[in-house]
Amino acid sequence: MTDSWYLIVIVVIAALVVLYLRGRQRNQRSGGDSLPGGDAGRDFGAEREGTRLTGMSTADREWETASQRRNQENRERTEAPAATRPVPGPDVVDRGPGG
């Protein structure tokens, strides 16, 4: 009886491997990257953004606009050319790596 159970387990595992490989091969043949239902060209980001904006109050929109403005100003400040950046004073010592 034990030998027949081993045989059944081996046959089931082999069948699962064959089914997996067939499904994988079929997926590669059909383009695999496209989403089911023909949504490959759909812009989910724009839909999500539209839904998000519809649920926002006026105060939320104003806060988001101000926050984006602050972030932009911070980015511009950190990306400023070296000539416009403030030079550290004499009390600042660069000790190099591990310093």
N, C-alpha and C. Protein backbone atom coordinates (compact mmCIF):
# COMPACT_ATOMS: atom_id res chain seq x y z
N MET A 1 0.82 -1.19 0.00
CA MET A 1 0.00 0.00 0.00
C MET A 1 0.87 1.26 0.00
N THR A 2 1.99 1.23 0.68
CA THR A 2 2.86 2.39 0.77
C THR A 2 3.43 2.74 -0.60
N ASP A 3 3.81 1.72 -1.38
CA ASP A 3 4.36 1.98 -2.70
C ASP A 3 3.34 2.65 -3.62
N SER A 4 2.08 2.29 -3.50
CA SER A 4 1.06 2.89 -4.36
C SER A 4 0.83 4.36 -3.98
N TRP A 5 0.97 4.72 -2.72
CA TRP A 5 0.83 6.12 -2.31
C TRP A 5 1.96 6.97 -2.87
N TYR A 6 3.17 6.41 -2.86
CA TYR A 6 4.29 7.14 -3.46
C TYR A 6 4.04 7.39 -4.94
N LEU A 7 3.53 6.37 -5.63
CA LEU A 7 3.25 6.50 -7.05
C LEU A 7 2.18 7.56 -7.30
N ILE A 8 1.14 7.59 -6.49
CA ILE A 8 0.06 8.58 -6.64
C ILE A 8 0.61 9.99 -6.41
N VAL A 9 1.43 10.17 -5.39
CA VAL A 9 2.01 11.48 -5.09
C VAL A 9 2.90 11.95 -6.24
N ILE A 10 3.70 11.07 -6.78
CA ILE A 10 4.58 11.42 -7.89
C ILE A 10 3.77 11.81 -9.12
N VAL A 11 2.70 11.07 -9.41
CA VAL A 11 1.87 11.38 -10.57
C VAL A 11 1.18 12.74 -10.39
N VAL A 12 0.69 13.01 -9.19
CA VAL A 12 0.02 14.29 -8.93
C VAL A 12 1.01 15.45 -9.07
N ILE A 13 2.20 15.30 -8.53
CA ILE A 13 3.22 16.35 -8.63
C ILE A 13 3.61 16.57 -10.09
N ALA A 14 3.77 15.50 -10.84
CA ALA A 14 4.12 15.62 -12.26
C ALA A 14 3.01 16.34 -13.02
N ALA A 15 1.76 16.03 -12.71
CA ALA A 15 0.64 16.68 -13.39
C ALA A 15 0.61 18.17 -13.06
N LEU A 16 0.87 18.51 -11.81
CA LEU A 16 0.90 19.92 -11.42
C LEU A 16 2.01 20.67 -12.14
N VAL A 17 3.17 20.05 -12.26
CA VAL A 17 4.29 20.69 -12.96
C VAL A 17 3.94 20.91 -14.43
N VAL A 18 3.34 19.91 -15.06
CA VAL A 18 2.95 20.04 -16.47
C VAL A 18 1.93 21.15 -16.64
N LEU A 19 0.92 21.22 -15.76
CA LEU A 19 -0.09 22.26 -15.85
C LEU A 19 0.52 23.65 -15.63
N TYR A 20 1.43 23.75 -14.69
CA TYR A 20 2.09 25.03 -14.42
C TYR A 20 2.88 25.49 -15.64
N LEU A 21 3.66 24.59 -16.22
CA LEU A 21 4.47 24.96 -17.37
C LEU A 21 3.61 25.32 -18.58
N ARG A 22 2.49 24.60 -18.77
CA ARG A 22 1.59 24.93 -19.87
C ARG A 22 0.97 26.30 -19.69
N GLY A 23 0.54 26.61 -18.49
CA GLY A 23 -0.04 27.91 -18.21
C GLY A 23 0.97 29.03 -18.41
N ARG A 24 2.17 28.78 -17.99
CA ARG A 24 3.23 29.77 -18.14
C ARG A 24 3.56 30.00 -19.62
N GLN A 25 3.59 28.91 -20.38
CA GLN A 25 3.86 29.01 -21.81
C GLN A 25 2.74 29.77 -22.51
N ARG A 26 1.51 29.50 -22.15
CA ARG A 26 0.36 30.18 -22.75
C ARG A 26 0.39 31.66 -22.40
N ASN A 27 0.77 31.98 -21.19
CA ASN A 27 0.85 33.37 -20.74
C ASN A 27 1.92 34.13 -21.52
N GLN A 28 3.05 33.50 -21.78
CA GLN A 28 4.11 34.14 -22.54
C GLN A 28 3.68 34.36 -23.99
N ARG A 29 2.96 33.40 -24.54
CA ARG A 29 2.52 33.50 -25.92
C ARG A 29 1.52 34.62 -26.11
N SER A 30 0.67 34.85 -25.09
CA SER A 30 -0.38 35.87 -25.23
C SER A 30 0.10 37.25 -24.82
N GLY A 31 1.32 37.40 -24.43
CA GLY A 31 1.83 38.71 -24.09
C GLY A 31 1.99 38.92 -22.61
N GLY A 32 1.51 38.09 -21.79
CA GLY A 32 1.72 38.03 -20.36
C GLY A 32 1.64 39.31 -19.55
N ASP A 33 2.09 40.45 -20.10
CA ASP A 33 2.12 41.67 -19.32
C ASP A 33 0.78 42.39 -19.30
N SER A 34 -0.08 42.08 -20.24
CA SER A 34 -1.36 42.79 -20.29
C SER A 34 -2.26 42.29 -19.17
N LEU A 35 -3.09 43.19 -18.70
CA LEU A 35 -4.00 42.85 -17.62
C LEU A 35 -5.22 42.14 -18.19
N PRO A 36 -5.84 41.26 -17.39
CA PRO A 36 -7.03 40.58 -17.89
C PRO A 36 -8.16 41.57 -18.11
N GLY A 37 -8.99 41.30 -19.09
CA GLY A 37 -10.13 42.16 -19.35
C GLY A 37 -9.82 43.27 -20.34
N GLY A 38 -8.67 43.27 -20.96
CA GLY A 38 -8.34 44.28 -21.97
C GLY A 38 -8.05 45.65 -21.39
N ASP A 39 -7.51 45.73 -20.19
CA ASP A 39 -7.22 47.01 -19.55
C ASP A 39 -5.79 47.48 -19.78
N ALA A 40 -5.12 46.94 -20.79
CA ALA A 40 -3.71 47.25 -20.99
C ALA A 40 -3.47 48.73 -21.25
N GLY A 41 -4.38 49.41 -21.96
CA GLY A 41 -4.17 50.81 -22.29
C GLY A 41 -4.84 51.77 -21.32
N ARG A 42 -5.45 51.24 -20.29
CA ARG A 42 -6.20 52.06 -19.35
C ARG A 42 -5.27 52.80 -18.41
N ASP A 43 -5.57 54.06 -18.13
CA ASP A 43 -4.73 54.88 -17.25
C ASP A 43 -5.32 54.85 -15.84
N PHE A 44 -4.89 53.88 -15.05
CA PHE A 44 -5.41 53.73 -13.70
C PHE A 44 -4.99 54.89 -12.80
N GLY A 45 -3.81 55.43 -13.03
CA GLY A 45 -3.33 56.54 -12.21
C GLY A 45 -4.23 57.76 -12.32
N ALA A 46 -4.62 58.09 -13.54
CA ALA A 46 -5.50 59.25 -13.74
C ALA A 46 -6.87 59.03 -13.10
N GLU A 47 -7.38 57.80 -13.21
CA GLU A 47 -8.66 57.49 -12.59
C GLU A 47 -8.57 57.60 -11.07
N ARG A 48 -7.49 57.07 -10.51
CA ARG A 48 -7.30 57.11 -9.06
C ARG A 48 -7.17 58.55 -8.58
N GLU A 49 -6.42 59.37 -9.34
CA GLU A 49 -6.24 60.77 -8.98
C GLU A 49 -7.57 61.51 -9.05
N GLY A 50 -8.37 61.23 -10.07
CA GLY A 50 -9.67 61.87 -10.19
C GLY A 50 -10.59 61.51 -9.03
N THR A 51 -10.58 60.25 -8.64
CA THR A 51 -11.39 59.80 -7.51
C THR A 51 -10.90 60.45 -6.22
N ARG A 52 -9.61 60.56 -6.06
CA ARG A 52 -9.05 61.17 -4.85
C ARG A 52 -9.44 62.64 -4.75
N LEU A 53 -9.35 63.35 -5.86
CA LEU A 53 -9.68 64.77 -5.85
C LEU A 53 -11.16 65.02 -5.59
N THR A 54 -12.01 64.12 -6.08
CA THR A 54 -13.45 64.31 -5.86
C THR A 54 -13.81 64.19 -4.40
N GLY A 55 -13.09 63.37 -3.66
CA GLY A 55 -13.40 63.18 -2.25
C GLY A 55 -12.77 64.21 -1.33
N MET A 56 -12.03 65.18 -1.88
CA MET A 56 -11.34 66.16 -1.04
C MET A 56 -12.19 67.39 -0.82
N SER A 57 -12.08 67.95 0.38
CA SER A 57 -12.76 69.21 0.66
C SER A 57 -11.90 70.36 0.13
N THR A 58 -12.45 71.55 0.15
CA THR A 58 -11.71 72.73 -0.32
C THR A 58 -10.48 72.96 0.55
N ALA A 59 -10.62 72.78 1.85
CA ALA A 59 -9.48 72.96 2.76
C ALA A 59 -8.39 71.94 2.46
N ASP A 60 -8.79 70.71 2.15
CA ASP A 60 -7.80 69.68 1.80
C ASP A 60 -7.04 70.07 0.54
N ARG A 61 -7.76 70.58 -0.46
CA ARG A 61 -7.10 70.98 -1.72
C ARG A 61 -6.14 72.13 -1.49
N GLU A 62 -6.56 73.11 -0.66
CA GLU A 62 -5.68 74.25 -0.37
C GLU A 62 -4.43 73.77 0.37
N TRP A 63 -4.61 72.85 1.32
CA TRP A 63 -3.46 72.33 2.07
C TRP A 63 -2.51 71.59 1.13
N GLU A 64 -3.08 70.78 0.22
CA GLU A 64 -2.24 70.03 -0.72
C GLU A 64 -1.47 70.98 -1.64
N THR A 65 -2.13 72.02 -2.12
CA THR A 65 -1.46 72.99 -3.00
C THR A 65 -0.32 73.67 -2.27
N ALA A 66 -0.55 74.09 -1.01
CA ALA A 66 0.50 74.74 -0.23
C ALA A 66 1.64 73.77 0.04
N SER A 67 1.30 72.52 0.33
CA SER A 67 2.33 71.51 0.60
C SER A 67 3.18 71.26 -0.64
N GLN A 68 2.54 71.17 -1.80
CA GLN A 68 3.29 70.96 -3.04
C GLN A 68 4.18 72.16 -3.34
N ARG A 69 3.70 73.36 -3.05
CA ARG A 69 4.50 74.56 -3.26
C ARG A 69 5.74 74.54 -2.35
N ARG A 70 5.54 74.18 -1.06
CA ARG A 70 6.69 74.10 -0.13
C ARG A 70 7.69 73.05 -0.60
N ASN A 71 7.20 71.90 -1.04
CA ASN A 71 8.11 70.85 -1.53
C ASN A 71 8.90 71.33 -2.74
N GLN A 72 8.23 72.04 -3.65
CA GLN A 72 8.92 72.55 -4.83
C GLN A 72 10.00 73.56 -4.42
N GLU A 73 9.67 74.44 -3.49
CA GLU A 73 10.65 75.43 -3.03
C GLU A 73 11.83 74.73 -2.37
N ASN A 74 11.57 73.70 -1.57
CA ASN A 74 12.66 72.95 -0.93
C ASN A 74 13.54 72.27 -1.97
N ARG A 75 12.92 71.69 -3.00
CA ARG A 75 13.70 71.04 -4.06
C ARG A 75 14.57 72.06 -4.78
N GLU A 76 13.99 73.22 -5.09
CA GLU A 76 14.75 74.26 -5.78
C GLU A 76 15.91 74.75 -4.93
N ARG A 77 15.67 74.85 -3.62
CA ARG A 77 16.73 75.30 -2.71
C ARG A 77 17.87 74.29 -2.64
N THR A 78 17.54 72.99 -2.58
CA THR A 78 18.60 71.98 -2.48
C THR A 78 19.30 71.75 -3.81
N GLU A 79 18.64 72.08 -4.93
CA GLU A 79 19.26 71.88 -6.23
C GLU A 79 19.91 73.16 -6.75
N ALA A 80 20.01 74.18 -5.92
CA ALA A 80 20.60 75.45 -6.34
C ALA A 80 22.08 75.24 -6.68
N PRO A 81 22.60 76.00 -7.63
CA PRO A 81 24.03 75.86 -7.97
C PRO A 81 24.91 76.18 -6.76
N ALA A 82 26.11 75.65 -6.76
CA ALA A 82 27.03 75.81 -5.63
C ALA A 82 27.35 77.27 -5.34
N ALA A 83 27.34 78.12 -6.34
CA ALA A 83 27.68 79.54 -6.15
C ALA A 83 26.65 80.25 -5.29
N THR A 84 25.40 79.80 -5.32
CA THR A 84 24.37 80.48 -4.56
C THR A 84 24.13 79.86 -3.19
N ARG A 85 24.76 78.72 -2.92
CA ARG A 85 24.59 78.09 -1.61
C ARG A 85 25.41 78.84 -0.57
N PRO A 86 24.89 78.91 0.66
CA PRO A 86 25.66 79.58 1.70
C PRO A 86 26.94 78.82 2.02
N VAL A 87 28.00 79.54 2.25
CA VAL A 87 29.30 78.93 2.59
C VAL A 87 29.35 78.74 4.10
N PRO A 88 29.77 77.56 4.56
CA PRO A 88 29.85 77.35 6.00
C PRO A 88 30.87 78.29 6.64
N GLY A 89 30.57 78.70 7.85
CA GLY A 89 31.46 79.62 8.56
C GLY A 89 32.73 78.94 9.02
N PRO A 90 33.65 79.72 9.65
CA PRO A 90 34.93 79.17 10.08
C PRO A 90 34.80 78.15 11.21
N ASP A 91 33.67 78.15 11.93
CA ASP A 91 33.52 77.20 13.02
C ASP A 91 33.11 75.82 12.53
N VAL A 92 32.82 75.66 11.24
CA VAL A 92 32.47 74.38 10.68
C VAL A 92 33.72 73.72 10.13
N VAL A 93 34.05 72.54 10.64
CA VAL A 93 35.24 71.82 10.20
C VAL A 93 34.82 70.54 9.52
N ASP A 94 35.31 70.35 8.31
CA ASP A 94 35.02 69.11 7.59
C ASP A 94 36.12 68.11 7.95
N ARG A 95 35.73 67.08 8.65
CA ARG A 95 36.70 66.07 9.09
C ARG A 95 36.79 64.90 8.10
N GLY A 96 36.06 64.97 7.02
CA GLY A 96 36.12 63.91 6.01
C GLY A 96 35.32 62.70 6.45
N PRO A 97 35.50 61.60 5.74
CA PRO A 97 34.72 60.40 6.06
C PRO A 97 35.10 59.85 7.44
N GLY A 98 34.09 59.45 8.16
CA GLY A 98 34.30 58.84 9.47
C GLY A 98 34.60 59.85 10.55
N GLY A 99 34.52 61.11 10.27
CA GLY A 99 34.85 62.13 11.04
C GLY A 99 34.82 62.77 12.22
